[in-house]
Every structure is written in structure tokens, then in C-alpha cells.
Amino acid sequence: MSGSCGENSIARLPWLVLSRKVCGVSAIPRKPLWLLPNLLSLDAPLVAVVWLYLFAKTWGVSYNPSHGYVVLALGVWVLYVADRLLDATLHGDSPRCQARHQFHHKHWRMFVAGALIAAIGALATVLMKSPVAIFSYLIVEGILVAGFFAFATFTSSAVEDIPYAKNILAGAAFAFGTALVAHVYLYDRGIRDLLLSREFQAFAVLCILNISAIDLWEHANRSPDPEVQATDELSLTLPLTLLGAAAFFFAVQAGQHSSRPFFYAILTGAALLLVLNRTRARFSMEALRVLADLALVAPALVFLSFPSS
């Protein structure tokens, strides 16, 4: 989900032209069609909606209205647009500036207008159709989101640093926001039950590692030091392996319980990220960003392969 600016990041797309003024781009870059969801910030809402379905099926949510999926998609999209516009404004000259930041900067009026409309639509839907209990969940989500944007705005890490604290907040906020839309309809449970659930915790770790993966891959690419590259490799391989082992243990322990397919989906996501980590030299950073998102969407196929799901 991140990348550097410059000629190496320039690809082709016939009708999308990015700004020459942001991040020092000196040519007119065009991007490939498969990068379009990333440029439009549609990748994260897709991941959120997919995992909301997995949470709802796993927890046996009997009533999970379609407007919940719409609200989640709109909310995630608004936050991602805000994050990318903020990054483009505050760190436009940083080597971490990427194609999606360029695109958001060039079309900022369109994105601001779209985000305002989406935010109003999501808020109105929540007020009119969601249960009152959702507001206590949203307070927690708001704290996580505020913490993330506070880190993004008021902390300045060097290009050489990996923003682990910000990534942890981003992953936790994404996972909690996704899970709460299903959990709020479990009327006999509360926020504490959600936070202590293995499903939420496993998904949160997967999200954090997914976000951190791009930073680690970029960091390794920028460094000519083999020891730094090896450290970055281990920094991702070890936690992904531990997550995969934990997910396998939870799946076996669940037996025929409804959570078994969920943990196999977590295991699949961790395994796909491990494969990407080992083969990343074959792909551009832009391709890795898209593939990292697909690594969180593909596990749904494993989940759906179980008859109980």
C-alpha cells in the first residue's frame, strides 16, 4: 500500500494522467488498468466487505442487512481517501509518495466531493437504519481512527523507518470497523466480546502485517545492505509464520464449529503474503500492492469451499 515516486513507478493507462507537479514527476505517467482500483481507493472497501461477510457467517449473524455492507464500504472509502489526500498534502515531496497519492492530489476536488457525499450517505444510513448499540462501537472505532490520523499528521518518521505504530493503529481500526458491522447484530454480546474474540484478533494481525508488508518491501528495495534486507525479510516472515500456525491451531481446535473455515481463511491469507514475500523480486511495487490486497480477498474462496459456510 505504499510506493516511491519517479520514473520506475510510471506505467500506462490511456486515460489516466497524473500530475507533473507532485512528487517531482517529470514525465506524463499513465497507469495500467489493473491498478485502477488502487488509484481510486476501491481496494480497501472490497477487502472490508469480503471479510464482513466472513465474520457474519462465522458468528451466525441471523440478521445482517445489506445496508451494513454499503455503510462499511462507504466509510472505509472515505477514510482511505482522507488518508491519501492528507499524505499528498503533508508529504508530497517524500520518496514514499506513490501513484495513488499523485492521482488523489491531481483530482482532489473530485475526491473531496465524493468523500463528502459518501460520508453524509453513510451517516444518514447509520442514523436511520442501524441499532442504537452501534454508537458505542463507533466510539471505539473513532478513537482508533483518531489515533491513526494523529500519528499520520503529527509524527514525522524518516524514509528509512518503518511506521509500525501507525500500521498497528491502521490494522486495528480496519479490523474493528469491519467486524463491528456484524458483531453489533449479536445482541447478547458487547464490545469486550468482540475485542477478545479470536476471529477479530487474528484478522487484526493479518491486516497489520498486510499493511506493514509494503513498507518492509519498499525499505528492503531502497537499501543496498544485505543485512538490512535480511532483517526486513525476517520481520515479515516470522510473524506471518506465527499467525499461520496460530490460525491452523485454532481451526483444528474448532473442530466442526463455524469458526473453522474462518481460521483457514486467515491461514490462507498469511500463506499468500509469505509467497509474495519470497517472490517479491519478480514484481514491481505497484503490482505487489495489488497482489497484497488480493491476498486478503482470495481467502474467501477457501472459506466458501466449506459446506457449513
Protein backbone atom coordinates (compact mmCIF):
# COMPACT_ATOMS: atom_id res chain seq x y z
CA MET A 1 0.00 0.00 0.00
CA SER A 2 2.89 2.36 -0.43
CA GLY A 3 5.48 3.14 -3.03
CA SER A 4 8.11 5.56 -4.28
CA CYS A 5 7.75 8.32 -6.86
CA GLY A 6 9.79 8.59 -10.01
CA GLU A 7 10.24 7.02 -13.43
CA ASN A 8 10.40 3.48 -12.11
CA SER A 9 6.83 3.82 -10.85
CA ILE A 10 5.44 5.03 -14.17
CA ALA A 11 3.31 2.62 -16.14
CA ARG A 12 0.42 3.04 -18.62
CA LEU A 13 -3.24 3.70 -18.68
CA PRO A 14 -4.63 5.52 -21.73
CA TRP A 15 -6.98 7.94 -19.99
CA LEU A 16 -5.48 8.47 -16.53
CA VAL A 17 -2.85 11.21 -16.49
CA LEU A 18 -1.15 12.11 -13.23
CA SER A 19 0.20 15.46 -12.15
CA ARG A 20 3.73 16.51 -13.12
CA LYS A 21 3.96 18.70 -10.02
CA VAL A 22 3.53 16.16 -7.26
CA CYS A 23 6.49 14.15 -6.03
CA GLY A 24 8.74 15.54 -8.74
CA VAL A 25 7.26 13.53 -11.62
CA SER A 26 8.95 14.81 -14.76
CA ALA A 27 7.04 12.83 -17.39
CA ILE A 28 3.35 12.20 -18.06
CA PRO A 29 2.81 8.80 -16.45
CA ARG A 30 -0.01 6.50 -17.42
CA LYS A 31 -1.10 3.57 -15.33
CA PRO A 32 -2.28 0.08 -16.24
CA LEU A 33 -5.94 -0.81 -15.90
CA TRP A 34 -5.31 -3.36 -13.12
CA LEU A 35 -4.03 -0.53 -10.91
CA LEU A 36 -7.27 1.44 -11.22
CA PRO A 37 -8.93 0.10 -8.01
CA ASN A 38 -5.81 1.13 -6.06
CA LEU A 39 -5.77 4.60 -7.63
CA LEU A 40 -9.44 5.10 -6.80
CA SER A 41 -9.07 3.72 -3.25
CA LEU A 42 -11.53 0.92 -4.01
CA ASP A 43 -9.24 -1.91 -2.91
CA ALA A 44 -9.71 -1.47 0.85
CA PRO A 45 -13.55 -1.28 0.70
CA LEU A 46 -13.55 -4.53 -1.28
CA VAL A 47 -11.42 -6.28 1.34
CA ALA A 48 -13.63 -4.93 4.14
CA VAL A 49 -16.88 -6.09 2.53
CA VAL A 50 -15.47 -9.58 1.86
CA TRP A 51 -14.35 -10.05 5.46
CA LEU A 52 -17.60 -8.62 6.82
CA TYR A 53 -19.36 -11.48 5.06
CA LEU A 54 -16.90 -13.96 6.60
CA PHE A 55 -17.45 -12.51 10.09
CA ALA A 56 -21.23 -12.58 9.69
CA LYS A 57 -21.29 -16.21 8.54
CA THR A 58 -18.79 -17.31 11.19
CA TRP A 59 -20.66 -15.68 14.07
CA GLY A 60 -24.03 -16.89 12.81
CA VAL A 61 -25.49 -13.41 12.48
CA SER A 62 -29.12 -14.11 11.61
CA TYR A 63 -29.86 -10.53 10.56
CA ASN A 64 -27.12 -8.80 8.60
CA PRO A 65 -28.80 -6.22 6.33
CA SER A 66 -27.33 -5.19 3.02
CA HIS A 67 -27.11 -1.56 4.09
CA GLY A 68 -24.41 -2.63 6.57
CA TYR A 69 -22.16 -3.61 3.68
CA VAL A 70 -22.88 -0.30 1.93
CA VAL A 71 -22.12 1.75 5.05
CA LEU A 72 -18.89 -0.17 5.63
CA ALA A 73 -17.73 0.27 2.04
CA LEU A 74 -18.52 3.99 2.07
CA GLY A 75 -16.89 4.54 5.46
CA VAL A 76 -13.69 2.73 4.52
CA TRP A 77 -13.51 4.57 1.21
CA VAL A 78 -13.92 7.97 2.88
CA LEU A 79 -11.15 7.23 5.39
CA TYR A 80 -8.75 5.97 2.74
CA VAL A 81 -9.40 8.99 0.53
CA ALA A 82 -8.82 11.29 3.51
CA ASP A 83 -5.58 9.49 4.36
CA ARG A 84 -4.23 9.73 0.83
CA LEU A 85 -5.17 13.39 0.44
CA LEU A 86 -3.53 14.12 3.80
CA ASP A 87 -0.36 12.27 2.80
CA ALA A 88 -0.24 14.09 -0.54
CA THR A 89 -0.61 17.42 1.26
CA LEU A 90 1.84 16.85 4.11
CA HIS A 91 4.42 14.60 2.44
CA GLY A 92 4.17 15.45 -1.24
CA ASP A 93 7.95 15.58 -1.65
CA SER A 94 8.64 12.36 0.25
CA PRO A 95 10.10 9.38 -1.60
CA ARG A 96 7.22 7.40 -0.10
CA CYS A 97 4.77 9.37 -2.24
CA GLN A 98 3.07 6.98 -4.64
CA ALA A 99 0.92 6.87 -7.74
CA ARG A 100 -2.29 6.84 -5.73
CA HIS A 101 -1.21 9.99 -3.86
CA GLN A 102 -0.43 11.68 -7.17
CA PHE A 103 -3.80 10.70 -8.54
CA HIS A 104 -5.67 11.91 -5.45
CA HIS A 105 -3.71 15.17 -5.49
CA LYS A 106 -4.50 15.84 -9.15
CA HIS A 107 -8.20 15.06 -8.74
CA TRP A 108 -8.58 16.32 -5.18
CA ARG A 109 -11.78 18.25 -5.90
CA MET A 110 -13.46 15.12 -7.24
CA PHE A 111 -12.32 13.05 -4.28
CA VAL A 112 -13.31 15.66 -1.69
CA ALA A 113 -16.78 16.00 -3.22
CA GLY A 114 -17.17 12.23 -3.45
CA ALA A 115 -15.97 11.71 0.12
CA LEU A 116 -18.41 14.33 1.48
CA ILE A 117 -21.33 12.73 -0.34
CA ALA A 118 -20.28 9.24 0.79
CA ALA A 119 -19.81 10.39 4.39
CA ILE A 120 -23.24 12.04 4.51
CA GLY A 121 -24.84 8.96 2.95
CA ALA A 122 -23.13 6.61 5.39
CA LEU A 123 -24.00 8.78 8.41
CA ALA A 124 -27.65 9.10 7.36
CA THR A 125 -27.91 5.33 6.87
CA VAL A 126 -26.40 4.65 10.29
CA LEU A 127 -28.78 7.11 11.98
CA MET A 128 -31.88 5.76 10.25
CA LYS A 129 -31.27 2.02 9.98
CA SER A 130 -28.61 0.84 12.43
CA PRO A 131 -29.27 -0.32 16.01
CA VAL A 132 -28.52 2.12 18.82
CA ALA A 133 -25.79 -0.20 20.12
CA ILE A 134 -23.64 0.65 17.11
CA PHE A 135 -22.75 4.05 18.59
CA SER A 136 -20.78 2.52 21.45
CA TYR A 137 -18.82 0.50 18.89
CA LEU A 138 -18.26 3.64 16.81
CA ILE A 139 -16.75 5.43 19.81
CA VAL A 140 -14.01 2.79 19.97
CA GLU A 141 -13.58 2.92 16.21
CA GLY A 142 -13.37 6.71 16.37
CA ILE A 143 -10.60 6.53 18.96
CA LEU A 144 -8.59 4.15 16.77
CA VAL A 145 -9.11 6.27 13.65
CA ALA A 146 -8.26 9.49 15.51
CA GLY A 147 -5.09 7.88 16.84
CA PHE A 148 -4.10 6.85 13.32
CA PHE A 149 -4.62 10.31 11.84
CA ALA A 150 -2.83 11.89 14.80
CA PHE A 151 0.21 9.72 14.07
CA ALA A 152 -0.04 10.50 10.36
CA THR A 153 -0.28 14.24 10.96
CA PHE A 154 1.97 14.99 13.93
CA THR A 155 4.75 12.43 13.65
CA SER A 156 7.45 12.58 11.02
CA SER A 157 9.42 9.38 10.52
CA ALA A 158 12.42 9.20 8.24
CA VAL A 159 12.12 7.37 4.95
CA GLU A 160 14.35 4.67 6.41
CA ASP A 161 11.93 4.00 9.27
CA ILE A 162 9.02 1.56 9.25
CA PRO A 163 5.94 3.27 10.80
CA TYR A 164 4.96 0.28 12.94
CA ALA A 165 2.85 2.27 15.41
CA LYS A 166 0.78 3.83 12.64
CA ASN A 167 0.44 0.46 10.89
CA ILE A 168 -0.79 -1.18 14.10
CA LEU A 169 -3.44 1.51 14.57
CA ALA A 170 -4.46 1.29 10.91
CA GLY A 171 -4.77 -2.50 11.01
CA ALA A 172 -6.66 -2.49 14.30
CA ALA A 173 -9.04 0.24 13.10
CA PHE A 174 -9.68 -1.57 9.82
CA ALA A 175 -10.32 -4.92 11.53
CA PHE A 176 -12.52 -3.46 14.28
CA GLY A 177 -14.54 -1.36 11.83
CA THR A 178 -15.13 -4.39 9.63
CA ALA A 179 -16.05 -6.78 12.44
CA LEU A 180 -18.33 -4.37 14.33
CA VAL A 181 -20.83 -4.21 11.47
CA ALA A 182 -21.55 -7.91 12.02
CA HIS A 183 -20.98 -8.05 15.78
CA VAL A 184 -23.46 -5.27 16.56
CA TYR A 185 -26.26 -7.60 15.49
CA LEU A 186 -25.26 -10.15 18.13
CA TYR A 187 -27.49 -8.52 20.71
CA ASP A 188 -26.32 -10.67 23.61
CA ARG A 189 -22.68 -9.63 23.20
CA GLY A 190 -20.74 -6.42 23.59
CA ILE A 191 -17.53 -4.66 22.65
CA ARG A 192 -15.47 -6.67 25.12
CA ASP A 193 -16.61 -9.90 23.47
CA LEU A 194 -15.55 -8.55 20.10
CA LEU A 195 -12.12 -7.44 21.29
CA LEU A 196 -11.49 -10.81 22.96
CA SER A 197 -12.70 -12.92 20.05
CA ARG A 198 -10.04 -14.98 18.28
CA GLU A 199 -11.55 -14.12 14.91
CA PHE A 200 -11.13 -10.39 15.41
CA GLN A 201 -7.63 -10.73 16.86
CA ALA A 202 -6.42 -12.98 14.03
CA PHE A 203 -7.87 -10.69 11.37
CA ALA A 204 -6.38 -7.61 13.03
CA VAL A 205 -2.91 -9.19 13.00
CA LEU A 206 -3.36 -10.17 9.35
CA CYS A 207 -4.34 -6.58 8.47
CA ILE A 208 -1.36 -5.14 10.36
CA LEU A 209 1.04 -7.49 8.59
CA ASN A 210 -0.54 -6.73 5.23
CA ILE A 211 -0.03 -3.00 5.75
CA SER A 212 3.50 -3.46 7.09
CA ALA A 213 4.47 -5.78 4.24
CA ILE A 214 4.57 -2.98 1.67
CA ASP A 215 6.65 -0.75 3.96
CA LEU A 216 9.11 -3.59 4.56
CA TRP A 217 9.35 -4.44 0.87
CA GLU A 218 9.99 -0.82 -0.05
CA HIS A 219 12.53 -0.47 2.74
CA ALA A 220 14.39 -3.56 1.53
CA ASN A 221 14.36 -2.28 -2.06
CA ARG A 222 15.86 1.05 -1.03
CA SER A 223 18.68 -0.47 0.98
CA PRO A 224 21.79 -1.96 -0.68
CA ASP A 225 22.77 -3.59 2.64
CA PRO A 226 22.12 -7.38 2.58
CA GLU A 227 21.78 -7.42 6.37
CA VAL A 228 19.01 -4.82 6.25
CA GLN A 229 17.24 -6.80 3.53
CA ALA A 230 17.54 -9.99 5.55
CA THR A 231 16.18 -8.23 8.64
CA ASP A 232 13.20 -6.90 6.70
CA GLU A 233 12.57 -10.38 5.32
CA LEU A 234 12.57 -11.89 8.81
CA SER A 235 10.44 -9.06 10.20
CA LEU A 236 7.63 -10.22 7.93
CA THR A 237 8.31 -13.94 7.62
CA LEU A 238 8.38 -14.64 11.36
CA PRO A 239 5.06 -13.00 12.35
CA LEU A 240 3.30 -14.39 9.25
CA THR A 241 4.52 -17.87 10.15
CA LEU A 242 3.35 -17.46 13.74
CA LEU A 243 -0.02 -16.15 12.57
CA GLY A 244 -0.41 -19.08 10.19
CA ALA A 245 0.48 -21.56 12.94
CA ALA A 246 -1.98 -19.93 15.35
CA ALA A 247 -4.73 -19.93 12.72
CA PHE A 248 -4.12 -23.63 11.98
CA PHE A 249 -4.23 -24.43 15.70
CA PHE A 250 -7.49 -22.51 16.16
CA ALA A 251 -9.00 -24.20 13.10
CA VAL A 252 -8.12 -27.68 14.35
CA GLN A 253 -9.30 -26.81 17.84
CA ALA A 254 -12.62 -25.55 16.46
CA GLY A 255 -13.44 -28.97 15.04
CA GLN A 256 -16.78 -28.71 13.25
CA HIS A 257 -17.51 -25.30 14.75
CA SER A 258 -18.46 -22.50 12.35
CA SER A 259 -15.18 -20.68 13.04
CA ARG A 260 -13.07 -23.38 11.41
CA PRO A 261 -13.41 -22.03 7.82
CA PHE A 262 -12.62 -18.53 9.11
CA PHE A 263 -9.27 -19.58 10.55
CA TYR A 264 -8.41 -21.49 7.39
CA ALA A 265 -9.08 -18.24 5.52
CA ILE A 266 -6.69 -16.45 7.89
CA LEU A 267 -4.12 -19.20 7.27
CA THR A 268 -4.55 -18.78 3.52
CA GLY A 269 -4.05 -15.02 3.71
CA ALA A 270 -0.88 -15.43 5.76
CA ALA A 271 0.43 -18.09 3.36
CA LEU A 272 -0.23 -15.90 0.31
CA LEU A 273 1.62 -12.98 1.90
CA LEU A 274 4.51 -15.33 2.66
CA VAL A 275 4.60 -16.40 -1.00
CA LEU A 276 4.62 -12.76 -2.09
CA ASN A 277 7.39 -12.03 0.39
CA ARG A 278 9.55 -14.78 -1.10
CA THR A 279 8.83 -13.88 -4.74
CA ARG A 280 8.59 -10.09 -4.50
CA ALA A 281 11.69 -9.54 -6.68
CA ARG A 282 9.62 -10.64 -9.68
CA PHE A 283 7.08 -7.84 -9.28
CA SER A 284 7.02 -4.07 -9.30
CA MET A 285 5.94 -2.31 -6.12
CA GLU A 286 2.68 -1.33 -7.76
CA ALA A 287 1.99 -4.96 -8.65
CA LEU A 288 2.88 -6.01 -5.09
CA ARG A 289 0.34 -3.58 -3.67
CA VAL A 290 -2.41 -5.06 -5.81
CA LEU A 291 -1.31 -8.63 -5.06
CA ALA A 292 -1.17 -7.90 -1.33
CA ASP A 293 -4.81 -6.80 -1.50
CA LEU A 294 -5.72 -9.91 -3.48
CA ALA A 295 -4.03 -11.97 -0.77
CA LEU A 296 -6.78 -10.73 1.57
CA VAL A 297 -9.61 -11.32 -0.91
CA ALA A 298 -8.64 -14.80 -2.14
CA PRO A 299 -9.10 -16.47 1.28
CA ALA A 300 -12.86 -16.00 0.85
CA LEU A 301 -12.72 -18.77 -1.76
CA VAL A 302 -11.28 -21.12 0.85
CA PHE A 303 -13.98 -20.06 3.31
CA LEU A 304 -16.76 -20.67 0.78
CA SER A 305 -15.39 -24.11 -0.09
CA PHE A 306 -16.61 -25.39 3.28
CA PRO A 307 -20.21 -26.66 3.15
CA SER A 308 -21.00 -25.09 6.51
CA SER A 309 -20.17 -21.63 5.19
